[in-house]
């Protein structure tokens, strides 16, 4: 588990600037499979069946509730695309990377 996964999100009310490109690149080195697309970080998770996909979705939803930081999820039979951004700052914050690390830890 990455160091990011052991951290806790902090409330963001739009009073901080989005992370710059250098910080985003640094964080992405800690998150296998994630990529920056526009102002989001994105990863597609693949599973063997619908049951596993939905178990993952429920676990990701629990993380979102615990961290009070919510991804956009696109769910299909064997995949779930997870997208994080911090809407309050119209870009990426450390919270996005913390939650992405926690979601990564759900699967081997």
Protein backbone atom coordinates (compact mmCIF):
# COMPACT_ATOMS: atom_id res chain seq x y z
CA UNK A 1 0.00 0.00 0.00
CA UNK A 2 1.35 3.41 -0.88
CA UNK A 3 1.95 6.11 1.73
CA UNK A 4 -0.92 8.02 0.14
CA UNK A 5 -3.37 5.26 1.07
CA UNK A 6 -2.60 5.72 4.77
CA UNK A 7 -3.43 9.43 4.69
CA UNK A 8 -6.76 11.14 5.29
CA UNK A 9 -8.48 13.67 3.04
CA UNK A 10 -8.83 17.21 4.32
CA UNK A 11 -11.90 19.35 3.60
CA UNK A 12 -11.52 21.48 0.49
CA UNK A 13 -13.71 24.53 0.10
CA UNK A 14 -12.01 25.99 -2.94
CA UNK A 15 -9.47 28.11 -1.12
CA UNK A 16 -6.42 26.35 -2.55
CA UNK A 17 -5.06 26.27 -6.09
CA UNK A 18 -5.11 23.03 -8.11
CA UNK A 19 -1.90 21.01 -8.12
CA UNK A 20 0.62 21.95 -10.78
CA UNK A 21 1.79 19.51 -13.47
CA UNK A 22 4.98 18.57 -11.60
CA UNK A 23 3.05 17.62 -8.45
CA UNK A 24 0.52 15.64 -10.48
CA UNK A 25 3.30 13.71 -12.24
CA UNK A 26 4.94 12.97 -8.90
CA UNK A 27 1.73 11.64 -7.39
CA UNK A 28 0.98 9.54 -10.48
CA UNK A 29 4.29 7.69 -10.03
CA UNK A 30 2.76 6.31 -6.82
CA UNK A 31 -0.47 5.18 -8.50
CA UNK A 32 0.00 2.34 -11.01
CA UNK A 33 -2.54 2.42 -13.83
CA UNK A 34 -3.84 5.95 -13.22
CA UNK A 35 -3.48 8.67 -15.83
CA UNK A 36 -4.30 12.35 -16.01
CA UNK A 37 -6.96 13.22 -18.56
CA UNK A 38 -7.85 16.91 -18.66
CA UNK A 39 -8.42 17.93 -15.03
CA UNK A 40 -9.05 14.40 -13.71
CA UNK A 41 -7.16 11.27 -12.84
CA UNK A 42 -8.68 8.14 -14.34
CA UNK A 43 -8.30 4.35 -14.11
CA UNK A 44 -10.35 1.48 -15.50
CA UNK A 45 -10.56 -1.57 -13.23
CA UNK A 46 -11.43 -4.94 -14.81
CA UNK A 47 -13.07 -7.86 -13.02
CA UNK A 48 -14.12 -11.44 -13.79
CA UNK A 49 -17.85 -10.83 -13.47
CA UNK A 50 -20.62 -8.45 -12.43
CA UNK A 51 -20.57 -9.60 -8.81
CA UNK A 52 -16.89 -8.64 -8.42
CA UNK A 53 -17.49 -5.34 -10.20
CA UNK A 54 -20.33 -4.43 -7.86
CA UNK A 55 -18.35 -5.48 -4.77
CA UNK A 56 -15.60 -3.10 -5.91
CA UNK A 57 -18.13 -0.30 -6.54
CA UNK A 58 -19.57 -0.72 -3.05
CA UNK A 59 -16.12 -0.68 -1.47
CA UNK A 60 -15.17 2.44 -3.47
CA UNK A 61 -18.42 4.08 -2.32
CA UNK A 62 -17.52 3.28 1.30
CA UNK A 63 -14.10 4.91 0.84
CA UNK A 64 -15.80 7.97 -0.68
CA UNK A 65 -18.14 8.19 2.30
CA UNK A 66 -15.30 7.80 4.83
CA UNK A 67 -13.12 10.42 3.10
CA UNK A 68 -15.99 12.72 2.08
CA UNK A 69 -14.43 12.86 -1.39
CA UNK A 70 -16.42 11.29 -4.18
CA UNK A 71 -15.37 9.92 -7.56
CA UNK A 72 -17.37 9.64 -10.73
CA UNK A 73 -17.91 5.94 -11.47
CA UNK A 74 -18.84 4.39 -14.80
CA UNK A 75 -19.96 0.82 -14.20
CA UNK A 76 -20.44 -2.01 -16.67
CA UNK A 77 -20.53 -5.80 -16.42
CA UNK A 78 -16.79 -6.39 -15.96
CA UNK A 79 -15.34 -2.90 -15.61
CA UNK A 80 -15.52 0.22 -13.51
CA UNK A 81 -13.94 3.48 -14.64
CA UNK A 82 -13.04 5.67 -11.68
CA UNK A 83 -12.49 9.41 -12.18
CA UNK A 84 -11.33 11.83 -9.51
CA UNK A 85 -11.17 15.61 -9.56
CA UNK A 86 -11.78 18.28 -6.95
CA UNK A 87 -14.74 20.27 -8.22
CA UNK A 88 -14.32 23.08 -5.68
CA UNK A 89 -10.96 24.05 -7.23
CA UNK A 90 -11.70 22.94 -10.81
CA UNK A 91 -8.65 20.69 -10.84
CA UNK A 92 -6.68 18.12 -8.91
CA UNK A 93 -5.92 18.20 -5.20
CA UNK A 94 -4.04 15.84 -2.93
CA UNK A 95 -7.42 14.38 -1.90
CA UNK A 96 -7.84 12.93 -5.39
CA UNK A 97 -4.58 11.02 -5.09
CA UNK A 98 -5.25 9.86 -1.52
CA UNK A 99 -8.59 8.39 -2.59
CA UNK A 100 -7.11 6.87 -5.76
CA UNK A 101 -4.49 5.12 -3.63
CA UNK A 102 -7.17 3.77 -1.30
CA UNK A 103 -9.18 2.49 -4.29
CA UNK A 104 -6.04 0.88 -5.77
CA UNK A 105 -5.54 -0.95 -2.49
CA UNK A 106 -8.89 -2.69 -2.95
CA UNK A 107 -7.49 -4.89 -5.74
CA UNK A 108 -4.25 -6.80 -6.14
